[in-house]
């Protein structure tokens, strides 16, 4: 019971509360990352075409071509 009444207990409690608040804020912000930062470049080598086209895989699993990426995310 001495520990609960001490300044050390209050300091530890404040530190853990601050850490918990930081972690919850990071988790909340992680839902708002724009897709432009989550694209993975894929090379699509089509047998019918002589040249390779660039495709991007978005975070939601959708495949997007390079022209659409430039049009949608030019401002970013």
PDB file of N, CA and C in Angstrom:
ATOM      1  N   UNK A   1       0.805  -1.196   0.000  1.00  0.00           N
ATOM      2  CA  UNK A   1       0.000   0.000   0.000  1.00  0.00           C
ATOM      3  C   UNK A   1       0.851   1.263   0.000  1.00  0.00           C
ATOM      4  N   UNK A   2       2.082   1.138   0.446  1.00  0.00           N
ATOM      5  CA  UNK A   2       2.953   2.310   0.437  1.00  0.00           C
ATOM      6  C   UNK A   2       3.256   2.767  -0.983  1.00  0.00           C
ATOM      7  N   UNK A   3       3.376   1.792  -1.893  1.00  0.00           N
ATOM      8  CA  UNK A   3       3.724   2.129  -3.270  1.00  0.00           C
ATOM      9  C   UNK A   3       2.602   2.938  -3.927  1.00  0.00           C
ATOM     10  N   UNK A   4       1.360   2.603  -3.659  1.00  0.00           N
ATOM     11  CA  UNK A   4       0.232   3.308  -4.256  1.00  0.00           C
ATOM     12  C   UNK A   4       0.187   4.767  -3.807  1.00  0.00           C
ATOM     13  N   UNK A   5       0.592   5.031  -2.622  1.00  0.00           N
ATOM     14  CA  UNK A   5       0.564   6.394  -2.094  1.00  0.00           C
ATOM     15  C   UNK A   5       1.813   7.196  -2.473  1.00  0.00           C
ATOM     16  N   UNK A   6       2.798   6.568  -3.109  1.00  0.00           N
ATOM     17  CA  UNK A   6       4.057   7.256  -3.394  1.00  0.00           C
ATOM     18  C   UNK A   6       4.001   8.041  -4.707  1.00  0.00           C
ATOM     19  N   UNK A   7       4.978   8.931  -4.867  1.00  0.00           N
ATOM     20  CA  UNK A   7       5.107   9.707  -6.100  1.00  0.00           C
ATOM     21  C   UNK A   7       5.525   8.826  -7.272  1.00  0.00           C
ATOM     22  N   UNK A   8       6.249   7.772  -6.994  1.00  0.00           N
ATOM     23  CA  UNK A   8       6.697   6.842  -8.038  1.00  0.00           C
ATOM     24  C   UNK A   8       5.487   6.202  -8.720  1.00  0.00           C
ATOM     25  N   UNK A   9       4.505   5.818  -7.960  1.00  0.00           N
ATOM     26  CA  UNK A   9       3.280   5.217  -8.511  1.00  0.00           C
ATOM     27  C   UNK A   9       2.569   6.199  -9.434  1.00  0.00           C
ATOM     28  N   UNK A  10       2.450   7.429  -9.007  1.00  0.00           N
ATOM     29  CA  UNK A  10       1.782   8.435  -9.838  1.00  0.00           C
ATOM     30  C   UNK A  10       2.546   8.707 -11.135  1.00  0.00           C
ATOM     31  N   UNK A  11       3.864   8.719 -11.053  1.00  0.00           N
ATOM     32  CA  UNK A  11       4.683   8.943 -12.246  1.00  0.00           C
ATOM     33  C   UNK A  11       4.551   7.787 -13.225  1.00  0.00           C
ATOM     34  N   UNK A  12       4.607   6.577 -12.721  1.00  0.00           N
ATOM     35  CA  UNK A  12       4.450   5.396 -13.581  1.00  0.00           C
ATOM     36  C   UNK A  12       3.065   5.398 -14.221  1.00  0.00           C
ATOM     37  N   UNK A  13       2.063   5.768 -13.480  1.00  0.00           N
ATOM     38  CA  UNK A  13       0.712   5.831 -13.998  1.00  0.00           C
ATOM     39  C   UNK A  13       0.591   6.861 -15.115  1.00  0.00           C
ATOM     40  N   UNK A  14       1.212   8.009 -14.959  1.00  0.00           N
ATOM     41  CA  UNK A  14       1.193   9.042 -15.994  1.00  0.00           C
ATOM     42  C   UNK A  14       1.930   8.586 -17.252  1.00  0.00           C
ATOM     43  N   UNK A  15       3.068   7.923 -17.066  1.00  0.00           N
ATOM     44  CA  UNK A  15       3.851   7.453 -18.217  1.00  0.00           C
ATOM     45  C   UNK A  15       3.079   6.409 -19.003  1.00  0.00           C
ATOM     46  N   UNK A  16       2.464   5.456 -18.321  1.00  0.00           N
ATOM     47  CA  UNK A  16       1.712   4.418 -19.029  1.00  0.00           C
ATOM     48  C   UNK A  16       0.477   4.996 -19.702  1.00  0.00           C
ATOM     49  N   UNK A  17      -0.152   5.980 -19.103  1.00  0.00           N
ATOM     50  CA  UNK A  17      -1.312   6.625 -19.735  1.00  0.00           C
ATOM     51  C   UNK A  17      -0.883   7.376 -20.994  1.00  0.00           C
ATOM     52  N   UNK A  18       0.241   8.053 -20.931  1.00  0.00           N
ATOM     53  CA  UNK A  18       0.746   8.769 -22.114  1.00  0.00           C
ATOM     54  C   UNK A  18       1.115   7.795 -23.223  1.00  0.00           C
ATOM     55  N   UNK A  19       1.756   6.694 -22.867  1.00  0.00           N
ATOM     56  CA  UNK A  19       2.123   5.675 -23.862  1.00  0.00           C
ATOM     57  C   UNK A  19       0.899   5.064 -24.513  1.00  0.00           C
ATOM     58  N   UNK A  20      -0.110   4.811 -23.726  1.00  0.00           N
ATOM     59  CA  UNK A  20      -1.355   4.258 -24.254  1.00  0.00           C
ATOM     60  C   UNK A  20      -2.034   5.241 -25.195  1.00  0.00           C
ATOM     61  N   UNK A  21      -2.012   6.507 -24.859  1.00  0.00           N
ATOM     62  CA  UNK A  21      -2.614   7.534 -25.717  1.00  0.00           C
ATOM     63  C   UNK A  21      -1.864   7.652 -27.036  1.00  0.00           C
ATOM     64  N   UNK A  22      -0.551   7.562 -26.999  1.00  0.00           N
ATOM     65  CA  UNK A  22       0.257   7.638 -28.226  1.00  0.00           C
ATOM     66  C   UNK A  22      -0.040   6.454 -29.133  1.00  0.00           C
ATOM     67  N   UNK A  23      -0.087   5.260 -28.570  1.00  0.00           N
ATOM     68  CA  UNK A  23      -0.348   4.059 -29.364  1.00  0.00           C
ATOM     69  C   UNK A  23      -1.745   4.113 -29.982  1.00  0.00           C
ATOM     70  N   UNK A  24      -2.738   4.533 -29.218  1.00  0.00           N
ATOM     71  CA  UNK A  24      -4.092   4.604 -29.768  1.00  0.00           C
ATOM     72  C   UNK A  24      -4.193   5.658 -30.865  1.00  0.00           C
ATOM     73  N   UNK A  25      -3.478   6.759 -30.739  1.00  0.00           N
ATOM     74  CA  UNK A  25      -3.484   7.791 -31.777  1.00  0.00           C
ATOM     75  C   UNK A  25      -2.808   7.294 -33.045  1.00  0.00           C
ATOM     76  N   UNK A  26      -1.711   6.554 -32.919  1.00  0.00           N
ATOM     77  CA  UNK A  26      -1.043   5.978 -34.095  1.00  0.00           C
ATOM     78  C   UNK A  26      -1.944   4.974 -34.797  1.00  0.00           C
ATOM     79  N   UNK A  27      -2.645   4.162 -34.054  1.00  0.00           N
ATOM     80  CA  UNK A  27      -3.575   3.206 -34.658  1.00  0.00           C
ATOM     81  C   UNK A  27      -4.719   3.925 -35.375  1.00  0.00           C
ATOM     82  N   UNK A  28      -5.206   4.998 -34.795  1.00  0.00           N
ATOM     83  CA  UNK A  28      -6.276   5.761 -35.423  1.00  0.00           C
ATOM     84  C   UNK A  28      -5.793   6.401 -36.723  1.00  0.00           C
ATOM     85  N   UNK A  29      -4.598   6.973 -36.697  1.00  0.00           N
ATOM     86  CA  UNK A  29      -4.062   7.633 -37.889  1.00  0.00           C
ATOM     87  C   UNK A  29      -3.675   6.642 -38.985  1.00  0.00           C
ATOM     88  N   UNK A  30      -3.373   5.413 -38.630  1.00  0.00           N
ATOM     89  CA  UNK A  30      -2.973   4.423 -39.632  1.00  0.00           C
ATOM     90  C   UNK A  30      -4.113   4.085 -40.583  1.00  0.00           C
ATOM     91  N   UNK A  31      -5.343   4.384 -40.237  1.00  0.00           N
ATOM     92  CA  UNK A  31      -6.478   4.135 -41.122  1.00  0.00           C
ATOM     93  C   UNK A  31      -6.613   5.197 -42.201  1.00  0.00           C
ATOM     94  N   UNK A  32      -5.871   6.279 -42.122  1.00  0.00           N
ATOM     95  CA  UNK A  32      -6.011   7.386 -43.048  1.00  0.00           C
ATOM     96  C   UNK A  32      -4.787   7.576 -43.944  1.00  0.00           C
ATOM     97  N   UNK A  33      -4.011   6.534 -44.171  1.00  0.00           N
ATOM     98  CA  UNK A  33      -2.861   6.609 -45.064  1.00  0.00           C
ATOM     99  C   UNK A  33      -3.375   6.604 -46.501  1.00  0.00           C
ATOM    100  N   UNK A  34      -3.047   7.610 -47.302  1.00  0.00           N
ATOM    101  CA  UNK A  34      -3.505   7.622 -48.697  1.00  0.00           C
ATOM    102  C   UNK A  34      -2.938   6.445 -49.481  1.00  0.00           C
ATOM    103  N   UNK A  35      -3.723   5.961 -50.440  1.00  0.00           N
ATOM    104  CA  UNK A  35      -3.296   4.812 -51.240  1.00  0.00           C
ATOM    105  C   UNK A  35      -2.018   5.068 -52.018  1.00  0.00           C
ATOM    106  N   UNK A  36      -1.762   6.316 -52.344  1.00  0.00           N
ATOM    107  CA  UNK A  36      -0.572   6.628 -53.139  1.00  0.00           C
ATOM    108  C   UNK A  36       0.700   6.192 -52.413  1.00  0.00           C
ATOM    109  N   UNK A  37       0.673   6.167 -51.098  1.00  0.00           N
ATOM    110  CA  UNK A  37       1.845   5.740 -50.341  1.00  0.00           C
ATOM    111  C   UNK A  37       1.894   4.229 -50.145  1.00  0.00           C
ATOM    112  N   UNK A  38       0.848   3.541 -50.531  1.00  0.00           N
ATOM    113  CA  UNK A  38       0.777   2.101 -50.305  1.00  0.00           C
ATOM    114  C   UNK A  38       0.880   1.290 -51.592  1.00  0.00           C
ATOM    115  N   UNK A  39       1.116   1.939 -52.727  1.00  0.00           N
ATOM    116  CA  UNK A  39       1.203   1.215 -53.991  1.00  0.00           C
ATOM    117  C   UNK A  39       2.476   0.379 -54.061  1.00  0.00           C
ATOM    118  N   UNK A  40       2.332  -0.791 -54.661  1.00  0.00           N
ATOM    119  CA  UNK A  40       3.484  -1.634 -54.961  1.00  0.00           C
ATOM    120  C   UNK A  40       3.533  -1.789 -56.477  1.00  0.00           C
ATOM    121  N   UNK A  41       4.676  -1.526 -57.033  1.00  0.00           N
ATOM    122  CA  UNK A  41       4.815  -1.581 -58.483  1.00  0.00           C
ATOM    123  C   UNK A  41       4.955  -3.028 -58.933  1.00  0.00           C
ATOM    124  N   UNK A  42       4.211  -3.383 -59.990  1.00  0.00           N
ATOM    125  CA  UNK A  42       4.287  -4.714 -60.578  1.00  0.00           C
ATOM    126  C   UNK A  42       4.557  -4.559 -62.064  1.00  0.00           C
ATOM    127  N   UNK A  43       5.404  -5.397 -62.602  1.00  0.00           N
ATOM    128  CA  UNK A  43       5.638  -5.399 -64.045  1.00  0.00           C
ATOM    129  C   UNK A  43       4.769  -6.471 -64.674  1.00  0.00           C
ATOM    130  N   UNK A  44       3.914  -6.044 -65.596  1.00  0.00           N
ATOM    131  CA  UNK A  44       3.014  -6.959 -66.278  1.00  0.00           C
ATOM    132  C   UNK A  44       3.585  -7.225 -67.660  1.00  0.00           C
ATOM    133  N   UNK A  45       4.083  -8.410 -67.878  1.00  0.00           N
ATOM    134  CA  UNK A  45       4.638  -8.767 -69.179  1.00  0.00           C
ATOM    135  C   UNK A  45       3.581  -9.554 -69.942  1.00  0.00           C
ATOM    136  N   UNK A  46       2.891  -8.840 -70.817  1.00  0.00           N
ATOM    137  CA  UNK A  46       1.831  -9.449 -71.601  1.00  0.00           C
ATOM    138  C   UNK A  46       2.455 -10.112 -72.828  1.00  0.00           C
ATOM    139  N   UNK A  47       2.052 -11.338 -73.106  1.00  0.00           N
ATOM    140  CA  UNK A  47       2.621 -12.074 -74.240  1.00  0.00           C
ATOM    141  C   UNK A  47       2.153 -11.501 -75.572  1.00  0.00           C
ATOM    142  N   UNK A  48       0.949 -10.895 -75.597  1.00  0.00           N
ATOM    143  CA  UNK A  48       0.412 -10.349 -76.831  1.00  0.00           C
ATOM    144  C   UNK A  48       1.077  -9.034 -77.211  1.00  0.00           C
ATOM    145  N   UNK A  49       1.513  -8.275 -76.211  1.00  0.00           N
ATOM    146  CA  UNK A  49       2.140  -6.985 -76.475  1.00  0.00           C
ATOM    147  C   UNK A  49       3.659  -7.138 -76.377  1.00  0.00           C
ATOM    148  N   UNK A  50       4.343  -6.367 -77.196  1.00  0.00           N
ATOM    149  CA  UNK A  50       5.800  -6.459 -77.194  1.00  0.00           C
ATOM    150  C   UNK A  50       6.429  -5.713 -76.023  1.00  0.00           C
ATOM    151  N   UNK A  51       5.721  -4.702 -75.497  1.00  0.00           N
ATOM    152  CA  UNK A  51       6.290  -3.939 -74.390  1.00  0.00           C
ATOM    153  C   UNK A  51       5.596  -4.302 -73.073  1.00  0.00           C
ATOM    154  N   UNK A  52       6.311  -4.090 -71.996  1.00  0.00           N
ATOM    155  CA  UNK A  52       5.768  -4.360 -70.667  1.00  0.00           C
ATOM    156  C   UNK A  52       5.028  -3.126 -70.158  1.00  0.00           C
ATOM    157  N   UNK A  53       3.880  -3.338 -69.542  1.00  0.00           N
ATOM    158  CA  UNK A  53       3.115  -2.229 -68.983  1.00  0.00           C
ATOM    159  C   UNK A  53       3.289  -2.209 -67.480  1.00  0.00           C
ATOM    160  N   UNK A  54       3.253  -1.011 -66.919  1.00  0.00           N
ATOM    161  CA  UNK A  54       3.407  -0.863 -65.478  1.00  0.00           C
ATOM    162  C   UNK A  54       2.050  -0.941 -64.807  1.00  0.00           C
ATOM    163  N   UNK A  55       1.951  -1.775 -63.800  1.00  0.00           N
ATOM    164  CA  UNK A  55       0.743  -1.878 -63.001  1.00  0.00           C
ATOM    165  C   UNK A  55       1.112  -1.640 -61.550  1.00  0.00           C
ATOM    166  N   UNK A  56       0.166  -1.103 -60.809  1.00  0.00           N
ATOM    167  CA  UNK A  56       0.370  -0.849 -59.396  1.00  0.00           C
ATOM    168  C   UNK A  56      -0.695  -1.583 -58.606  1.00  0.00           C
ATOM    169  N   UNK A  57      -0.293  -2.168 -57.517  1.00  0.00           N
ATOM    170  CA  UNK A  57      -1.219  -2.859 -56.635  1.00  0.00           C
ATOM    171  C   UNK A  57      -1.535  -1.940 -55.468  1.00  0.00           C
ATOM    172  N   UNK A  58      -2.807  -1.584 -55.311  1.00  0.00           N
ATOM    173  CA  UNK A  58      -3.225  -0.703 -54.224  1.00  0.00           C
ATOM    174  C   UNK A  58      -3.345  -1.495 -52.936  1.00  0.00           C
ATOM    175  N   UNK A  59      -3.519  -0.796 -51.843  1.00  0.00           N
ATOM    176  CA  UNK A  59      -3.618  -1.432 -50.536  1.00  0.00           C
ATOM    177  C   UNK A  59      -4.844  -2.326 -50.423  1.00  0.00           C
ATOM    178  N   UNK A  60      -5.904  -2.000 -51.159  1.00  0.00           N
ATOM    179  CA  UNK A  60      -7.119  -2.801 -51.088  1.00  0.00           C
ATOM    180  C   UNK A  60      -7.084  -4.004 -52.015  1.00  0.00           C
ATOM    181  N   UNK A  61      -5.973  -4.232 -52.718  1.00  0.00           N
ATOM    182  CA  UNK A  61      -5.815  -5.390 -53.582  1.00  0.00           C
ATOM    183  C   UNK A  61      -6.190  -5.136 -55.028  1.00  0.00           C
ATOM    184  N   UNK A  62      -6.657  -3.955 -55.332  1.00  0.00           N
ATOM    185  CA  UNK A  62      -7.055  -3.604 -56.696  1.00  0.00           C
ATOM    186  C   UNK A  62      -5.832  -3.251 -57.530  1.00  0.00           C
ATOM    187  N   UNK A  63      -5.806  -3.704 -58.757  1.00  0.00           N
ATOM    188  CA  UNK A  63      -4.709  -3.388 -59.667  1.00  0.00           C
ATOM    189  C   UNK A  63      -5.055  -2.137 -60.460  1.00  0.00           C
ATOM    190  N   UNK A  64      -4.122  -1.201 -60.496  1.00  0.00           N
ATOM    191  CA  UNK A  64      -4.331   0.090 -61.153  1.00  0.00           C
ATOM    192  C   UNK A  64      -3.183   0.314 -62.129  1.00  0.00           C
ATOM    193  N   UNK A  65      -3.511   0.852 -63.319  1.00  0.00           N
ATOM    194  CA  UNK A  65      -2.442   1.134 -64.273  1.00  0.00           C
ATOM    195  C   UNK A  65      -1.799   2.482 -63.968  1.00  0.00           C
ATOM    196  N   UNK A  66      -0.668   2.733 -64.600  1.00  0.00           N
ATOM    197  CA  UNK A  66       0.129   3.929 -64.298  1.00  0.00           C
ATOM    198  C   UNK A  66      -0.600   5.222 -64.652  1.00  0.00           C
ATOM    199  N   UNK A  67      -1.398   5.219 -65.716  1.00  0.00           N
ATOM    200  CA  UNK A  67      -2.117   6.433 -66.107  1.00  0.00           C
ATOM    201  C   UNK A  67      -3.154   6.822 -65.060  1.00  0.00           C
ATOM    202  N   UNK A  68      -3.869   5.834 -64.523  1.00  0.00           N
ATOM    203  CA  UNK A  68      -4.875   6.126 -63.497  1.00  0.00           C
ATOM    204  C   UNK A  68      -4.220   6.640 -62.219  1.00  0.00           C
ATOM    205  N   UNK A  69      -3.074   6.083 -61.885  1.00  0.00           N
ATOM    206  CA  UNK A  69      -2.347   6.559 -60.701  1.00  0.00           C
ATOM    207  C   UNK A  69      -1.956   8.019 -60.873  1.00  0.00           C
ATOM    208  N   UNK A  70      -1.468   8.371 -62.040  1.00  0.00           N
ATOM    209  CA  UNK A  70      -1.073   9.758 -62.296  1.00  0.00           C
ATOM    210  C   UNK A  70      -2.274  10.695 -62.262  1.00  0.00           C
ATOM    211  N   UNK A  71      -3.398  10.258 -62.806  1.00  0.00           N
ATOM    212  CA  UNK A  71      -4.590  11.109 -62.834  1.00  0.00           C
ATOM    213  C   UNK A  71      -5.184  11.297 -61.441  1.00  0.00           C
ATOM    214  N   UNK A  72      -5.290  10.218 -60.689  1.00  0.00           N
ATOM    215  CA  UNK A  72      -5.940  10.298 -59.374  1.00  0.00           C
ATOM    216  C   UNK A  72      -5.083  10.970 -58.318  1.00  0.00           C
ATOM    217  N   UNK A  73      -3.800  10.722 -58.365  1.00  0.00           N
ATOM    218  CA  UNK A  73      -2.942  11.155 -57.265  1.00  0.00           C
ATOM    219  C   UNK A  73      -1.890  12.165 -57.688  1.00  0.00           C
ATOM    220  N   UNK A  74      -2.176  12.939 -58.721  1.00  0.00           N
ATOM    221  CA  UNK A  74      -1.216  13.941 -59.180  1.00  0.00           C
ATOM    222  C   UNK A  74      -1.002  15.030 -58.141  1.00  0.00           C
ATOM    223  N   UNK A  75      -2.049  15.364 -57.400  1.00  0.00           N
ATOM    224  CA  UNK A  75      -1.920  16.446 -56.413  1.00  0.00           C
ATOM    225  C   UNK A  75      -1.068  16.043 -55.230  1.00  0.00           C
ATOM    226  N   UNK A  76      -0.882  14.769 -55.005  1.00  0.00           N
ATOM    227  CA  UNK A  76      -0.109  14.346 -53.854  1.00  0.00           C
ATOM    228  C   UNK A  76       1.324  14.127 -54.244  1.00  0.00           C
TER     229      UNK A  76
END
